[in-house]
């Protein structure tokens, strides 16, 4: 399903060049962003909600030393999601 969605986005043209499916799971919410760890809770407001519960959270931080951050170079971590 992910490949079908990504191929459909590519076929749609340049407007969807940045399309990326983090996860298609019906049970898992997956967030992805080029954020610092301090920005995660600020950006995703539902994570600050006291009624929001999670069994696990994983944050991966990588600071590029010689390249500008971009979605194609970002680690997908799909196996973890």
PDB file of N, CA and C in Angstrom:
ATOM      1  N   UNK A   1       0.825  -1.189   0.000  1.00  0.00           N
ATOM      2  CA  UNK A   1       0.000   0.000   0.000  1.00  0.00           C
ATOM      3  C   UNK A   1       0.868   1.251   0.000  1.00  0.00           C
ATOM      4  N   UNK A   2       1.967   1.232   0.757  1.00  0.00           N
ATOM      5  CA  UNK A   2       2.844   2.403   0.818  1.00  0.00           C
ATOM      6  C   UNK A   2       3.429   2.710  -0.546  1.00  0.00           C
ATOM      7  N   UNK A   3       3.896   1.677  -1.239  1.00  0.00           N
ATOM      8  CA  UNK A   3       4.492   1.895  -2.557  1.00  0.00           C
ATOM      9  C   UNK A   3       3.461   2.402  -3.555  1.00  0.00           C
ATOM     10  N   UNK A   4       2.245   1.906  -3.469  1.00  0.00           N
ATOM     11  CA  UNK A   4       1.179   2.371  -4.358  1.00  0.00           C
ATOM     12  C   UNK A   4       0.930   3.861  -4.113  1.00  0.00           C
ATOM     13  N   UNK A   5       0.852   4.258  -2.845  1.00  0.00           N
ATOM     14  CA  UNK A   5       0.624   5.664  -2.506  1.00  0.00           C
ATOM     15  C   UNK A   5       1.783   6.529  -2.978  1.00  0.00           C
ATOM     16  N   UNK A   6       3.021   6.082  -2.740  1.00  0.00           N
ATOM     17  CA  UNK A   6       4.184   6.878  -3.143  1.00  0.00           C
ATOM     18  C   UNK A   6       4.298   6.967  -4.666  1.00  0.00           C
ATOM     19  N   UNK A   7       4.014   5.882  -5.373  1.00  0.00           N
ATOM     20  CA  UNK A   7       4.055   5.918  -6.836  1.00  0.00           C
ATOM     21  C   UNK A   7       2.945   6.813  -7.393  1.00  0.00           C
ATOM     22  N   UNK A   8       1.781   6.790  -6.760  1.00  0.00           N
ATOM     23  CA  UNK A   8       0.692   7.675  -7.168  1.00  0.00           C
ATOM     24  C   UNK A   8       1.046   9.137  -6.970  1.00  0.00           C
ATOM     25  N   UNK A   9       1.726   9.428  -5.879  1.00  0.00           N
ATOM     26  CA  UNK A   9       2.152  10.809  -5.619  1.00  0.00           C
ATOM     27  C   UNK A   9       3.183  11.260  -6.649  1.00  0.00           C
ATOM     28  N   UNK A  10       4.106  10.371  -7.007  1.00  0.00           N
ATOM     29  CA  UNK A  10       5.103  10.718  -8.033  1.00  0.00           C
ATOM     30  C   UNK A  10       4.433  10.980  -9.367  1.00  0.00           C
ATOM     31  N   UNK A  11       3.428  10.163  -9.708  1.00  0.00           N
ATOM     32  CA  UNK A  11       2.719  10.323 -10.979  1.00  0.00           C
ATOM     33  C   UNK A  11       1.891  11.607 -11.008  1.00  0.00           C
ATOM     34  N   UNK A  12       1.515  12.113  -9.839  1.00  0.00           N
ATOM     35  CA  UNK A  12       0.698  13.324  -9.761  1.00  0.00           C
ATOM     36  C   UNK A  12       1.477  14.573 -10.153  1.00  0.00           C
ATOM     37  N   UNK A  13       2.789  14.481 -10.124  1.00  0.00           N
ATOM     38  CA  UNK A  13       3.603  15.618 -10.553  1.00  0.00           C
ATOM     39  C   UNK A  13       4.303  16.322  -9.415  1.00  0.00           C
ATOM     40  N   UNK A  14       4.915  17.460  -9.740  1.00  0.00           N
ATOM     41  CA  UNK A  14       5.781  18.167  -8.781  1.00  0.00           C
ATOM     42  C   UNK A  14       5.083  18.642  -7.505  1.00  0.00           C
ATOM     43  N   UNK A  15       3.784  18.829  -7.543  1.00  0.00           N
ATOM     44  CA  UNK A  15       3.073  19.309  -6.345  1.00  0.00           C
ATOM     45  C   UNK A  15       3.211  18.342  -5.182  1.00  0.00           C
ATOM     46  N   UNK A  16       3.427  17.057  -5.461  1.00  0.00           N
ATOM     47  CA  UNK A  16       3.544  16.054  -4.401  1.00  0.00           C
ATOM     48  C   UNK A  16       4.958  15.462  -4.322  1.00  0.00           C
ATOM     49  N   UNK A  17       5.943  16.201  -4.774  1.00  0.00           N
ATOM     50  CA  UNK A  17       7.327  15.715  -4.724  1.00  0.00           C
ATOM     51  C   UNK A  17       7.777  15.388  -3.307  1.00  0.00           C
ATOM     52  N   UNK A  18       7.240  16.095  -2.325  1.00  0.00           N
ATOM     53  CA  UNK A  18       7.665  15.894  -0.938  1.00  0.00           C
ATOM     54  C   UNK A  18       6.793  14.887  -0.195  1.00  0.00           C
ATOM     55  N   UNK A  19       5.898  14.179  -0.891  1.00  0.00           N
ATOM     56  CA  UNK A  19       5.035  13.185  -0.247  1.00  0.00           C
ATOM     57  C   UNK A  19       5.880  12.074   0.357  1.00  0.00           C
ATOM     58  N   UNK A  20       5.549  11.700   1.587  1.00  0.00           N
ATOM     59  CA  UNK A  20       6.264  10.620   2.268  1.00  0.00           C
ATOM     60  C   UNK A  20       5.302   9.938   3.229  1.00  0.00           C
ATOM     61  N   UNK A  21       5.116   8.644   3.092  1.00  0.00           N
ATOM     62  CA  UNK A  21       4.236   7.894   3.999  1.00  0.00           C
ATOM     63  C   UNK A  21       5.072   7.337   5.145  1.00  0.00           C
ATOM     64  N   UNK A  22       4.917   7.930   6.322  1.00  0.00           N
ATOM     65  CA  UNK A  22       5.670   7.441   7.492  1.00  0.00           C
ATOM     66  C   UNK A  22       5.206   6.051   7.890  1.00  0.00           C
ATOM     67  N   UNK A  23       3.907   5.855   7.896  1.00  0.00           N
ATOM     68  CA  UNK A  23       3.330   4.576   8.291  1.00  0.00           C
ATOM     69  C   UNK A  23       1.896   4.513   7.792  1.00  0.00           C
ATOM     70  N   UNK A  24       1.442   3.328   7.453  1.00  0.00           N
ATOM     71  CA  UNK A  24       0.046   3.126   7.070  1.00  0.00           C
ATOM     72  C   UNK A  24      -0.675   2.269   8.102  1.00  0.00           C
ATOM     73  N   UNK A  25      -0.102   2.178   9.280  1.00  0.00           N
ATOM     74  CA  UNK A  25      -0.675   1.362  10.345  1.00  0.00           C
ATOM     75  C   UNK A  25      -1.969   1.980  10.867  1.00  0.00           C
ATOM     76  N   UNK A  26      -2.930   1.131  11.134  1.00  0.00           N
ATOM     77  CA  UNK A  26      -4.170   1.565  11.754  1.00  0.00           C
ATOM     78  C   UNK A  26      -4.089   1.569  13.269  1.00  0.00           C
ATOM     79  N   UNK A  27      -2.974   1.093  13.823  1.00  0.00           N
ATOM     80  CA  UNK A  27      -2.814   1.000  15.282  1.00  0.00           C
ATOM     81  C   UNK A  27      -1.719   1.899  15.826  1.00  0.00           C
ATOM     82  N   UNK A  28      -0.829   2.362  14.966  1.00  0.00           N
ATOM     83  CA  UNK A  28       0.334   3.113  15.419  1.00  0.00           C
ATOM     84  C   UNK A  28       0.344   4.503  14.815  1.00  0.00           C
ATOM     85  N   UNK A  29       0.562   5.509  15.635  1.00  0.00           N
ATOM     86  CA  UNK A  29       0.720   6.868  15.141  1.00  0.00           C
ATOM     87  C   UNK A  29       2.219   7.126  15.016  1.00  0.00           C
ATOM     88  N   UNK A  30       2.622   7.535  13.849  1.00  0.00           N
ATOM     89  CA  UNK A  30       4.030   7.793  13.592  1.00  0.00           C
ATOM     90  C   UNK A  30       4.202   9.252  13.220  1.00  0.00           C
ATOM     91  N   UNK A  31       5.066   9.935  13.924  1.00  0.00           N
ATOM     92  CA  UNK A  31       5.363  11.330  13.639  1.00  0.00           C
ATOM     93  C   UNK A  31       6.754  11.399  13.023  1.00  0.00           C
ATOM     94  N   UNK A  32       6.914  12.269  12.065  1.00  0.00           N
ATOM     95  CA  UNK A  32       8.239  12.471  11.496  1.00  0.00           C
ATOM     96  C   UNK A  32       8.383  13.946  11.187  1.00  0.00           C
ATOM     97  N   UNK A  33       9.511  14.489  11.520  1.00  0.00           N
ATOM     98  CA  UNK A  33       9.761  15.889  11.222  1.00  0.00           C
ATOM     99  C   UNK A  33      11.236  16.195  11.336  1.00  0.00           C
ATOM    100  N   UNK A  34      11.641  17.196  10.627  1.00  0.00           N
ATOM    101  CA  UNK A  34      13.031  17.641  10.750  1.00  0.00           C
ATOM    102  C   UNK A  34      13.061  18.674  11.869  1.00  0.00           C
ATOM    103  N   UNK A  35      13.029  18.156  13.078  1.00  0.00           N
ATOM    104  CA  UNK A  35      12.927  18.977  14.274  1.00  0.00           C
ATOM    105  C   UNK A  35      14.058  18.646  15.232  1.00  0.00           C
ATOM    106  N   UNK A  36      14.350  19.565  16.103  1.00  0.00           N
ATOM    107  CA  UNK A  36      15.243  19.243  17.209  1.00  0.00           C
ATOM    108  C   UNK A  36      14.383  18.536  18.260  1.00  0.00           C
ATOM    109  N   UNK A  37      15.008  17.854  19.180  1.00  0.00           N
ATOM    110  CA  UNK A  37      14.232  17.154  20.198  1.00  0.00           C
ATOM    111  C   UNK A  37      13.398  18.126  21.027  1.00  0.00           C
ATOM    112  N   UNK A  38      13.874  19.340  21.220  1.00  0.00           N
ATOM    113  CA  UNK A  38      13.128  20.342  21.983  1.00  0.00           C
ATOM    114  C   UNK A  38      11.871  20.807  21.246  1.00  0.00           C
ATOM    115  N   UNK A  39      11.835  20.666  19.935  1.00  0.00           N
ATOM    116  CA  UNK A  39      10.699  21.125  19.145  1.00  0.00           C
ATOM    117  C   UNK A  39       9.575  20.100  19.017  1.00  0.00           C
ATOM    118  N   UNK A  40       9.816  18.838  19.347  1.00  0.00           N
ATOM    119  CA  UNK A  40       8.837  17.785  19.108  1.00  0.00           C
ATOM    120  C   UNK A  40       7.514  18.076  19.808  1.00  0.00           C
ATOM    121  N   UNK A  41       7.512  18.346  21.110  1.00  0.00           N
ATOM    122  CA  UNK A  41       6.275  18.592  21.843  1.00  0.00           C
ATOM    123  C   UNK A  41       5.633  19.908  21.446  1.00  0.00           C
ATOM    124  N   UNK A  42       6.440  20.869  21.062  1.00  0.00           N
ATOM    125  CA  UNK A  42       5.918  22.161  20.614  1.00  0.00           C
ATOM    126  C   UNK A  42       5.178  22.012  19.278  1.00  0.00           C
ATOM    127  N   UNK A  43       5.706  21.204  18.391  1.00  0.00           N
ATOM    128  CA  UNK A  43       5.146  21.038  17.046  1.00  0.00           C
ATOM    129  C   UNK A  43       3.913  20.133  17.035  1.00  0.00           C
ATOM    130  N   UNK A  44       3.955  19.016  17.758  1.00  0.00           N
ATOM    131  CA  UNK A  44       2.841  18.070  17.804  1.00  0.00           C
ATOM    132  C   UNK A  44       2.050  18.299  19.087  1.00  0.00           C
ATOM    133  N   UNK A  45       1.040  19.153  19.012  1.00  0.00           N
ATOM    134  CA  UNK A  45       0.273  19.581  20.190  1.00  0.00           C
ATOM    135  C   UNK A  45      -0.390  18.422  20.933  1.00  0.00           C
ATOM    136  N   UNK A  46      -0.801  17.371  20.222  1.00  0.00           N
ATOM    137  CA  UNK A  46      -1.476  16.259  20.903  1.00  0.00           C
ATOM    138  C   UNK A  46      -0.560  15.553  21.897  1.00  0.00           C
ATOM    139  N   UNK A  47       0.735  15.661  21.737  1.00  0.00           N
ATOM    140  CA  UNK A  47       1.668  15.035  22.677  1.00  0.00           C
ATOM    141  C   UNK A  47       1.674  15.756  24.027  1.00  0.00           C
ATOM    142  N   UNK A  48       1.166  16.973  24.076  1.00  0.00           N
ATOM    143  CA  UNK A  48       1.071  17.722  25.341  1.00  0.00           C
ATOM    144  C   UNK A  48      -0.257  17.454  26.058  1.00  0.00           C
ATOM    145  N   UNK A  49      -1.176  16.778  25.404  1.00  0.00           N
ATOM    146  CA  UNK A  49      -2.495  16.492  25.967  1.00  0.00           C
ATOM    147  C   UNK A  49      -2.375  15.430  27.062  1.00  0.00           C
ATOM    148  N   UNK A  50      -2.870  15.745  28.248  1.00  0.00           N
ATOM    149  CA  UNK A  50      -2.776  14.812  29.388  1.00  0.00           C
ATOM    150  C   UNK A  50      -3.549  13.517  29.132  1.00  0.00           C
ATOM    151  N   UNK A  51      -4.547  13.561  28.262  1.00  0.00           N
ATOM    152  CA  UNK A  51      -5.328  12.371  27.964  1.00  0.00           C
ATOM    153  C   UNK A  51      -4.699  11.472  26.908  1.00  0.00           C
ATOM    154  N   UNK A  52      -3.636  11.918  26.335  1.00  0.00           N
ATOM    155  CA  UNK A  52      -2.932  11.157  25.295  1.00  0.00           C
ATOM    156  C   UNK A  52      -1.988  10.161  25.960  1.00  0.00           C
ATOM    157  N   UNK A  53      -2.133   8.882  25.636  1.00  0.00           N
ATOM    158  CA  UNK A  53      -1.309   7.863  26.288  1.00  0.00           C
ATOM    159  C   UNK A  53      -0.473   7.125  25.258  1.00  0.00           C
ATOM    160  N   UNK A  54       0.715   6.736  25.677  1.00  0.00           N
ATOM    161  CA  UNK A  54       1.610   6.002  24.791  1.00  0.00           C
ATOM    162  C   UNK A  54       2.363   4.951  25.592  1.00  0.00           C
ATOM    163  N   UNK A  55       2.618   3.837  24.949  1.00  0.00           N
ATOM    164  CA  UNK A  55       3.412   2.792  25.597  1.00  0.00           C
ATOM    165  C   UNK A  55       4.893   2.979  25.308  1.00  0.00           C
ATOM    166  N   UNK A  56       5.195   3.696  24.219  1.00  0.00           N
ATOM    167  CA  UNK A  56       6.592   3.873  23.844  1.00  0.00           C
ATOM    168  C   UNK A  56       6.745   5.131  22.999  1.00  0.00           C
ATOM    169  N   UNK A  57       7.865   5.766  23.144  1.00  0.00           N
ATOM    170  CA  UNK A  57       8.220   6.900  22.288  1.00  0.00           C
ATOM    171  C   UNK A  57       9.685   6.743  21.913  1.00  0.00           C
ATOM    172  N   UNK A  58       9.987   7.039  20.682  1.00  0.00           N
ATOM    173  CA  UNK A  58      11.354   6.933  20.196  1.00  0.00           C
ATOM    174  C   UNK A  58      11.677   8.201  19.431  1.00  0.00           C
ATOM    175  N   UNK A  59      12.752   8.846  19.796  1.00  0.00           N
ATOM    176  CA  UNK A  59      13.212  10.042  19.100  1.00  0.00           C
ATOM    177  C   UNK A  59      14.619   9.772  18.605  1.00  0.00           C
ATOM    178  N   UNK A  60      14.818  10.002  17.343  1.00  0.00           N
ATOM    179  CA  UNK A  60      16.147   9.829  16.749  1.00  0.00           C
ATOM    180  C   UNK A  60      16.637  11.193  16.303  1.00  0.00           C
ATOM    181  N   UNK A  61      17.766  11.611  16.805  1.00  0.00           N
ATOM    182  CA  UNK A  61      18.336  12.899  16.415  1.00  0.00           C
ATOM    183  C   UNK A  61      19.630  12.677  15.664  1.00  0.00           C
ATOM    184  N   UNK A  62      19.738  13.344  14.564  1.00  0.00           N
ATOM    185  CA  UNK A  62      20.975  13.297  13.784  1.00  0.00           C
ATOM    186  C   UNK A  62      21.265  14.712  13.351  1.00  0.00           C
ATOM    187  N   UNK A  63      22.466  15.141  13.606  1.00  0.00           N
ATOM    188  CA  UNK A  63      22.858  16.476  13.214  1.00  0.00           C
ATOM    189  C   UNK A  63      23.847  16.364  12.070  1.00  0.00           C
ATOM    190  N   UNK A  64      23.440  16.871  10.931  1.00  0.00           N
ATOM    191  CA  UNK A  64      24.260  16.795   9.727  1.00  0.00           C
ATOM    192  C   UNK A  64      25.483  17.684   9.875  1.00  0.00           C
ATOM    193  N   UNK A  65      26.609  17.162   9.476  1.00  0.00           N
ATOM    194  CA  UNK A  65      27.839  17.941   9.586  1.00  0.00           C
ATOM    195  C   UNK A  65      28.275  18.540   8.259  1.00  0.00           C
ATOM    196  N   UNK A  66      27.903  17.904   7.149  1.00  0.00           N
ATOM    197  CA  UNK A  66      28.370  18.435   5.872  1.00  0.00           C
ATOM    198  C   UNK A  66      27.301  18.463   4.783  1.00  0.00           C
ATOM    199  N   UNK A  67      26.040  18.198   5.140  1.00  0.00           N
ATOM    200  CA  UNK A  67      24.957  18.261   4.161  1.00  0.00           C
ATOM    201  C   UNK A  67      23.776  18.990   4.773  1.00  0.00           C
ATOM    202  N   UNK A  68      22.972  19.604   3.921  1.00  0.00           N
ATOM    203  CA  UNK A  68      21.754  20.261   4.396  1.00  0.00           C
ATOM    204  C   UNK A  68      20.680  19.191   4.593  1.00  0.00           C
ATOM    205  N   UNK A  69      19.923  19.220   5.693  1.00  0.00           N
ATOM    206  CA  UNK A  69      18.905  18.197   5.929  1.00  0.00           C
ATOM    207  C   UNK A  69      17.869  18.160   4.805  1.00  0.00           C
ATOM    208  N   UNK A  70      17.456  16.969   4.422  1.00  0.00           N
ATOM    209  CA  UNK A  70      16.425  16.824   3.397  1.00  0.00           C
ATOM    210  C   UNK A  70      15.660  15.530   3.642  1.00  0.00           C
ATOM    211  N   UNK A  71      14.401  15.467   3.181  1.00  0.00           N
ATOM    212  CA  UNK A  71      13.586  14.269   3.369  1.00  0.00           C
ATOM    213  C   UNK A  71      14.196  13.039   2.720  1.00  0.00           C
ATOM    214  N   UNK A  72      14.728  13.125   1.501  1.00  0.00           N
ATOM    215  CA  UNK A  72      15.295  11.906   0.906  1.00  0.00           C
ATOM    216  C   UNK A  72      16.454  11.308   1.708  1.00  0.00           C
ATOM    217  N   UNK A  73      17.182  12.145   2.444  1.00  0.00           N
ATOM    218  CA  UNK A  73      18.315  11.633   3.231  1.00  0.00           C
ATOM    219  C   UNK A  73      17.917  11.251   4.657  1.00  0.00           C
ATOM    220  N   UNK A  74      16.697  11.575   5.051  1.00  0.00           N
ATOM    221  CA  UNK A  74      16.253  11.265   6.412  1.00  0.00           C
ATOM    222  C   UNK A  74      16.060   9.761   6.575  1.00  0.00           C
ATOM    223  N   UNK A  75      16.387   9.254   7.761  1.00  0.00           N
ATOM    224  CA  UNK A  75      16.238   7.823   8.001  1.00  0.00           C
ATOM    225  C   UNK A  75      14.757   7.471   8.105  1.00  0.00           C
ATOM    226  N   UNK A  76      14.296   6.504   7.362  1.00  0.00           N
ATOM    227  CA  UNK A  76      12.872   6.180   7.395  1.00  0.00           C
ATOM    228  C   UNK A  76      12.426   5.445   8.658  1.00  0.00           C
ATOM    229  N   UNK A  77      13.260   4.621   9.227  1.00  0.00           N
ATOM    230  CA  UNK A  77      12.912   3.846  10.438  1.00  0.00           C
ATOM    231  C   UNK A  77      11.579   3.114  10.285  1.00  0.00           C
ATOM    232  N   UNK A  78      11.208   2.737   9.072  1.00  0.00           N
ATOM    233  CA  UNK A  78       9.922   2.071   8.853  1.00  0.00           C
ATOM    234  C   UNK A  78       9.834   0.737   9.582  1.00  0.00           C
ATOM    235  N   UNK A  79      10.950   0.065   9.759  1.00  0.00           N
ATOM    236  CA  UNK A  79      10.919  -1.225  10.447  1.00  0.00           C
ATOM    237  C   UNK A  79      10.519  -1.062  11.912  1.00  0.00           C
ATOM    238  N   UNK A  80      10.821   0.089  12.499  1.00  0.00           N
ATOM    239  CA  UNK A  80      10.439   0.351  13.888  1.00  0.00           C
ATOM    240  C   UNK A  80       8.983   0.759  14.008  1.00  0.00           C
ATOM    241  N   UNK A  81       8.449   1.355  12.952  1.00  0.00           N
ATOM    242  CA  UNK A  81       7.061   1.864  12.992  1.00  0.00           C
ATOM    243  C   UNK A  81       6.106   0.745  12.708  1.00  0.00           C
TER     244      UNK A  81
END
